[in-house]
Amino acid sequence: MLKTQAIELLGGTAKSAAAAIGVTSQAISGWPDQLTPALRDRVQAALYRQKQQRTKARKTKEAAHG
């Protein structure tokens, strides 16, 4: 995975990507263009967490309108 792809998937900016992963935007700027397996795993984990949060929010909203 490329750094640009990861940033796009995590919100489109280094700041949003950093927030999703729990690091600073400076850390994102230090990433290599081709992500290492460890960084790819962190991106995938952040995407999974985002999906879980959206699913939970949707279920909560549906229950409230029940």
PDB file of N, CA and C in Angstrom:
ATOM      1  N   MET A   1       0.850  -1.170   0.000  1.00  0.00           N
ATOM      2  CA  MET A   1       0.000   0.000   0.000  1.00  0.00           C
ATOM      3  C   MET A   1       0.894   1.231   0.000  1.00  0.00           C
ATOM      4  N   LEU A   2       0.480   2.214  -0.779  1.00  0.00           N
ATOM      5  CA  LEU A   2       1.220   3.464  -0.830  1.00  0.00           C
ATOM      6  C   LEU A   2       0.745   4.414   0.268  1.00  0.00           C
ATOM      7  N   LYS A   3       1.641   5.286   0.685  1.00  0.00           N
ATOM      8  CA  LYS A   3       1.303   6.282   1.709  1.00  0.00           C
ATOM      9  C   LYS A   3       0.119   7.127   1.260  1.00  0.00           C
ATOM     10  N   THR A   4       0.107   7.539   0.011  1.00  0.00           N
ATOM     11  CA  THR A   4      -0.994   8.375  -0.483  1.00  0.00           C
ATOM     12  C   THR A   4      -2.326   7.638  -0.424  1.00  0.00           C
ATOM     13  N   GLN A   5      -2.316   6.335  -0.702  1.00  0.00           N
ATOM     14  CA  GLN A   5      -3.542   5.540  -0.608  1.00  0.00           C
ATOM     15  C   GLN A   5      -4.024   5.473   0.836  1.00  0.00           C
ATOM     16  N   ALA A   6      -3.105   5.245   1.747  1.00  0.00           N
ATOM     17  CA  ALA A   6      -3.461   5.147   3.163  1.00  0.00           C
ATOM     18  C   ALA A   6      -4.066   6.451   3.661  1.00  0.00           C
ATOM     19  N   ILE A   7      -3.455   7.562   3.299  1.00  0.00           N
ATOM     20  CA  ILE A   7      -3.965   8.868   3.731  1.00  0.00           C
ATOM     21  C   ILE A   7      -5.362   9.092   3.172  1.00  0.00           C
ATOM     22  N   GLU A   8      -5.561   8.763   1.909  1.00  0.00           N
ATOM     23  CA  GLU A   8      -6.877   8.936   1.284  1.00  0.00           C
ATOM     24  C   GLU A   8      -7.927   8.078   1.989  1.00  0.00           C
ATOM     25  N   LEU A   9      -7.593   6.837   2.292  1.00  0.00           N
ATOM     26  CA  LEU A   9      -8.532   5.943   2.969  1.00  0.00           C
ATOM     27  C   LEU A   9      -8.877   6.416   4.379  1.00  0.00           C
ATOM     28  N   LEU A  10      -7.932   7.094   5.018  1.00  0.00           N
ATOM     29  CA  LEU A  10      -8.126   7.516   6.408  1.00  0.00           C
ATOM     30  C   LEU A  10      -8.587   8.964   6.534  1.00  0.00           C
ATOM     31  N   GLY A  11      -9.203   9.494   5.495  1.00  0.00           N
ATOM     32  CA  GLY A  11      -9.788  10.818   5.616  1.00  0.00           C
ATOM     33  C   GLY A  11      -9.270  11.858   4.658  1.00  0.00           C
ATOM     34  N   GLY A  12      -8.224  11.559   3.923  1.00  0.00           N
ATOM     35  CA  GLY A  12      -7.757  12.463   2.889  1.00  0.00           C
ATOM     36  C   GLY A  12      -6.662  13.437   3.270  1.00  0.00           C
ATOM     37  N   THR A  13      -6.382  13.575   4.557  1.00  0.00           N
ATOM     38  CA  THR A  13      -5.304  14.469   4.985  1.00  0.00           C
ATOM     39  C   THR A  13      -4.397  13.737   5.962  1.00  0.00           C
ATOM     40  N   ALA A  14      -3.173  14.222   6.072  1.00  0.00           N
ATOM     41  CA  ALA A  14      -2.245  13.625   7.040  1.00  0.00           C
ATOM     42  C   ALA A  14      -2.791  13.782   8.455  1.00  0.00           C
ATOM     43  N   LYS A  15      -3.450  14.906   8.717  1.00  0.00           N
ATOM     44  CA  LYS A  15      -4.010  15.149  10.047  1.00  0.00           C
ATOM     45  C   LYS A  15      -5.110  14.135  10.375  1.00  0.00           C
ATOM     46  N   SER A  16      -6.012  13.882   9.440  1.00  0.00           N
ATOM     47  CA  SER A  16      -7.083  12.922   9.701  1.00  0.00           C
ATOM     48  C   SER A  16      -6.539  11.495   9.792  1.00  0.00           C
ATOM     49  N   ALA A  17      -5.555  11.176   8.971  1.00  0.00           N
ATOM     50  CA  ALA A  17      -4.935   9.852   9.039  1.00  0.00           C
ATOM     51  C   ALA A  17      -4.243   9.655  10.379  1.00  0.00           C
ATOM     52  N   ALA A  18      -3.544  10.682  10.824  1.00  0.00           N
ATOM     53  CA  ALA A  18      -2.847  10.604  12.110  1.00  0.00           C
ATOM     54  C   ALA A  18      -3.838  10.413  13.252  1.00  0.00           C
ATOM     55  N   ALA A  19      -4.940  11.140  13.210  1.00  0.00           N
ATOM     56  CA  ALA A  19      -5.951  11.008  14.263  1.00  0.00           C
ATOM     57  C   ALA A  19      -6.539   9.601  14.277  1.00  0.00           C
ATOM     58  N   ALA A  20      -6.767   9.032  13.110  1.00  0.00           N
ATOM     59  CA  ALA A  20      -7.342   7.690  13.020  1.00  0.00           C
ATOM     60  C   ALA A  20      -6.409   6.627  13.582  1.00  0.00           C
ATOM     61  N   ILE A  21      -5.121   6.837  13.412  1.00  0.00           N
ATOM     62  CA  ILE A  21      -4.141   5.845  13.857  1.00  0.00           C
ATOM     63  C   ILE A  21      -3.635   6.125  15.267  1.00  0.00           C
ATOM     64  N   GLY A  22      -3.733   7.374  15.688  1.00  0.00           N
ATOM     65  CA  GLY A  22      -3.269   7.722  17.025  1.00  0.00           C
ATOM     66  C   GLY A  22      -1.823   8.166  17.066  1.00  0.00           C
ATOM     67  N   VAL A  23      -1.384   8.817  15.991  1.00  0.00           N
ATOM     68  CA  VAL A  23      -0.028   9.363  15.939  1.00  0.00           C
ATOM     69  C   VAL A  23      -0.119  10.828  15.527  1.00  0.00           C
ATOM     70  N   THR A  24       1.019  11.489  15.436  1.00  0.00           N
ATOM     71  CA  THR A  24       1.029  12.882  14.992  1.00  0.00           C
ATOM     72  C   THR A  24       1.115  12.936  13.468  1.00  0.00           C
ATOM     73  N   SER A  25       0.720  14.067  12.907  1.00  0.00           N
ATOM     74  CA  SER A  25       0.837  14.220  11.452  1.00  0.00           C
ATOM     75  C   SER A  25       2.303  14.217  11.029  1.00  0.00           C
ATOM     76  N   GLN A  26       3.196  14.600  11.935  1.00  0.00           N
ATOM     77  CA  GLN A  26       4.627  14.534  11.630  1.00  0.00           C
ATOM     78  C   GLN A  26       5.065  13.081  11.436  1.00  0.00           C
ATOM     79  N   ALA A  27       4.473  12.176  12.210  1.00  0.00           N
ATOM     80  CA  ALA A  27       4.803  10.761  12.046  1.00  0.00           C
ATOM     81  C   ALA A  27       4.358  10.266  10.672  1.00  0.00           C
ATOM     82  N   ILE A  28       3.194  10.714  10.235  1.00  0.00           N
ATOM     83  CA  ILE A  28       2.701  10.329   8.911  1.00  0.00           C
ATOM     84  C   ILE A  28       3.649  10.839   7.829  1.00  0.00           C
ATOM     85  N   SER A  29       4.123  12.066   7.981  1.00  0.00           N
ATOM     86  CA  SER A  29       5.021  12.621   6.961  1.00  0.00           C
ATOM     87  C   SER A  29       6.336  11.854   6.896  1.00  0.00           C
ATOM     88  N   GLY A  30       6.689  11.152   7.958  1.00  0.00           N
ATOM     89  CA  GLY A  30       7.907  10.360   7.974  1.00  0.00           C
ATOM     90  C   GLY A  30       7.748   8.962   7.403  1.00  0.00           C
ATOM     91  N   TRP A  31       6.517   8.586   7.060  1.00  0.00           N
ATOM     92  CA  TRP A  31       6.295   7.268   6.474  1.00  0.00           C
ATOM     93  C   TRP A  31       6.980   7.161   5.114  1.00  0.00           C
ATOM     94  N   PRO A  32       7.454   5.968   4.768  1.00  0.00           N
ATOM     95  CA  PRO A  32       7.996   5.770   3.418  1.00  0.00           C
ATOM     96  C   PRO A  32       6.853   5.758   2.397  1.00  0.00           C
ATOM     97  N   ASP A  33       7.164   6.014   1.134  1.00  0.00           N
ATOM     98  CA  ASP A  33       6.121   6.006   0.096  1.00  0.00           C
ATOM     99  C   ASP A  33       5.433   4.648   0.004  1.00  0.00           C
ATOM    100  N   GLN A  34       6.200   3.576   0.115  1.00  0.00           N
ATOM    101  CA  GLN A  34       5.641   2.223   0.144  1.00  0.00           C
ATOM    102  C   GLN A  34       5.605   1.780   1.604  1.00  0.00           C
ATOM    103  N   LEU A  35       4.402   1.594   2.147  1.00  0.00           N
ATOM    104  CA  LEU A  35       4.285   1.284   3.570  1.00  0.00           C
ATOM    105  C   LEU A  35       4.848  -0.090   3.894  1.00  0.00           C
ATOM    106  N   THR A  36       5.437  -0.183   5.070  1.00  0.00           N
ATOM    107  CA  THR A  36       5.930  -1.462   5.577  1.00  0.00           C
ATOM    108  C   THR A  36       4.729  -2.302   6.014  1.00  0.00           C
ATOM    109  N   PRO A  37       4.912  -3.601   6.179  1.00  0.00           N
ATOM    110  CA  PRO A  37       3.801  -4.430   6.646  1.00  0.00           C
ATOM    111  C   PRO A  37       3.222  -3.948   7.986  1.00  0.00           C
ATOM    112  N   ALA A  38       4.059  -3.482   8.882  1.00  0.00           N
ATOM    113  CA  ALA A  38       3.571  -3.009  10.185  1.00  0.00           C
ATOM    114  C   ALA A  38       2.693  -1.767  10.024  1.00  0.00           C
ATOM    115  N   LEU A  39       3.098  -0.846   9.167  1.00  0.00           N
ATOM    116  CA  LEU A  39       2.291   0.354   8.936  1.00  0.00           C
ATOM    117  C   LEU A  39       0.992   0.005   8.219  1.00  0.00           C
ATOM    118  N   ARG A  40       1.065  -0.913   7.257  1.00  0.00           N
ATOM    119  CA  ARG A  40      -0.153  -1.368   6.574  1.00  0.00           C
ATOM    120  C   ARG A  40      -1.135  -1.949   7.576  1.00  0.00           C
ATOM    121  N   ASP A  41      -0.628  -2.731   8.522  1.00  0.00           N
ATOM    122  CA  ASP A  41      -1.491  -3.315   9.550  1.00  0.00           C
ATOM    123  C   ASP A  41      -2.161  -2.235  10.388  1.00  0.00           C
ATOM    124  N   ARG A  42      -1.429  -1.185  10.718  1.00  0.00           N
ATOM    125  CA  ARG A  42      -2.007  -0.087  11.510  1.00  0.00           C
ATOM    126  C   ARG A  42      -3.100   0.631  10.733  1.00  0.00           C
ATOM    127  N   VAL A  43      -2.876   0.826   9.443  1.00  0.00           N
ATOM    128  CA  VAL A  43      -3.888   1.467   8.597  1.00  0.00           C
ATOM    129  C   VAL A  43      -5.135   0.586   8.533  1.00  0.00           C
ATOM    130  N   GLN A  44      -4.948  -0.698   8.294  1.00  0.00           N
ATOM    131  CA  GLN A  44      -6.083  -1.610   8.208  1.00  0.00           C
ATOM    132  C   GLN A  44      -6.842  -1.679   9.527  1.00  0.00           C
ATOM    133  N   ALA A  45      -6.135  -1.661  10.638  1.00  0.00           N
ATOM    134  CA  ALA A  45      -6.794  -1.675  11.946  1.00  0.00           C
ATOM    135  C   ALA A  45      -7.607  -0.403  12.156  1.00  0.00           C
ATOM    136  N   ALA A  46      -7.070   0.728  11.744  1.00  0.00           N
ATOM    137  CA  ALA A  46      -7.798   1.995  11.877  1.00  0.00           C
ATOM    138  C   ALA A  46      -9.043   1.989  11.001  1.00  0.00           C
ATOM    139  N   LEU A  47      -8.941   1.451   9.796  1.00  0.00           N
ATOM    140  CA  LEU A  47     -10.106   1.355   8.915  1.00  0.00           C
ATOM    141  C   LEU A  47     -11.171   0.456   9.523  1.00  0.00           C
ATOM    142  N   TYR A  48     -10.755  -0.637  10.124  1.00  0.00           N
ATOM    143  CA  TYR A  48     -11.689  -1.549  10.784  1.00  0.00           C
ATOM    144  C   TYR A  48     -12.404  -0.842  11.936  1.00  0.00           C
ATOM    145  N   ARG A  49     -11.646  -0.106  12.743  1.00  0.00           N
ATOM    146  CA  ARG A  49     -12.259   0.622  13.863  1.00  0.00           C
ATOM    147  C   ARG A  49     -13.259   1.656  13.361  1.00  0.00           C
ATOM    148  N   GLN A  50     -12.907   2.359  12.284  1.00  0.00           N
ATOM    149  CA  GLN A  50     -13.823   3.353  11.721  1.00  0.00           C
ATOM    150  C   GLN A  50     -15.115   2.691  11.250  1.00  0.00           C
ATOM    151  N   LYS A  51     -14.990   1.546  10.603  1.00  0.00           N
ATOM    152  CA  LYS A  51     -16.177   0.832  10.124  1.00  0.00           C
ATOM    153  C   LYS A  51     -17.040   0.384  11.298  1.00  0.00           C
ATOM    154  N   GLN A  52     -16.405  -0.122  12.350  1.00  0.00           N
ATOM    155  CA  GLN A  52     -17.157  -0.561  13.526  1.00  0.00           C
ATOM    156  C   GLN A  52     -17.898   0.606  14.162  1.00  0.00           C
ATOM    157  N   GLN A  53     -17.264   1.763  14.245  1.00  0.00           N
ATOM    158  CA  GLN A  53     -17.894   2.941  14.837  1.00  0.00           C
ATOM    159  C   GLN A  53     -19.083   3.398  14.001  1.00  0.00           C
ATOM    160  N   ARG A  54     -18.943   3.384  12.670  1.00  0.00           N
ATOM    161  CA  ARG A  54     -20.059   3.780  11.799  1.00  0.00           C
ATOM    162  C   ARG A  54     -21.225   2.811  11.951  1.00  0.00           C
ATOM    163  N   THR A  55     -20.924   1.516  12.016  1.00  0.00           N
ATOM    164  CA  THR A  55     -21.965   0.507  12.166  1.00  0.00           C
ATOM    165  C   THR A  55     -22.686   0.682  13.495  1.00  0.00           C
ATOM    166  N   LYS A  56     -21.931   0.911  14.559  1.00  0.00           N
ATOM    167  CA  LYS A  56     -22.525   1.099  15.882  1.00  0.00           C
ATOM    168  C   LYS A  56     -23.393   2.353  15.907  1.00  0.00           C
ATOM    169  N   ALA A  57     -22.916   3.434  15.306  1.00  0.00           N
ATOM    170  CA  ALA A  57     -23.682   4.681  15.273  1.00  0.00           C
ATOM    171  C   ALA A  57     -24.971   4.495  14.481  1.00  0.00           C
ATOM    172  N   ARG A  58     -24.910   3.773  13.385  1.00  0.00           N
ATOM    173  CA  ARG A  58     -26.091   3.529  12.565  1.00  0.00           C
ATOM    174  C   ARG A  58     -27.118   2.710  13.344  1.00  0.00           C
ATOM    175  N   LYS A  59     -26.663   1.679  14.059  1.00  0.00           N
ATOM    176  CA  LYS A  59     -27.578   0.849  14.841  1.00  0.00           C
ATOM    177  C   LYS A  59     -28.212   1.653  15.961  1.00  0.00           C
ATOM    178  N   THR A  60     -27.432   2.512  16.604  1.00  0.00           N
ATOM    179  CA  THR A  60     -27.956   3.357  17.675  1.00  0.00           C
ATOM    180  C   THR A  60     -29.009   4.309  17.121  1.00  0.00           C
ATOM    181  N   LYS A  61     -28.742   4.878  15.964  1.00  0.00           N
ATOM    182  CA  LYS A  61     -29.683   5.809  15.332  1.00  0.00           C
ATOM    183  C   LYS A  61     -30.973   5.085  14.955  1.00  0.00           C
ATOM    184  N   GLU A  62     -30.855   3.871  14.410  1.00  0.00           N
ATOM    185  CA  GLU A  62     -32.035   3.095  14.040  1.00  0.00           C
ATOM    186  C   GLU A  62     -32.855   2.737  15.271  1.00  0.00           C
ATOM    187  N   ALA A  63     -32.200   2.383  16.366  1.00  0.00           N
ATOM    188  CA  ALA A  63     -32.906   2.029  17.593  1.00  0.00           C
ATOM    189  C   ALA A  63     -33.638   3.235  18.163  1.00  0.00           C
ATOM    190  N   ALA A  64     -33.052   4.410  18.041  1.00  0.00           N
ATOM    191  CA  ALA A  64     -33.674   5.622  18.564  1.00  0.00           C
ATOM    192  C   ALA A  64     -34.926   5.986  17.777  1.00  0.00           C
ATOM    193  N   HIS A  65     -34.935   5.645  16.494  1.00  0.00           N
ATOM    194  CA  HIS A  65     -36.096   5.964  15.664  1.00  0.00           C
ATOM    195  C   HIS A  65     -37.075   4.808  15.581  1.00  0.00           C
ATOM    196  N   GLY A  66     -36.705   3.696  16.191  1.00  0.00           N
ATOM    197  CA  GLY A  66     -37.369   2.446  16.266  1.00  0.00           C
ATOM    198  C   GLY A  66     -38.684   2.243  15.805  1.00  0.00           C
TER     199      GLY A  66
END
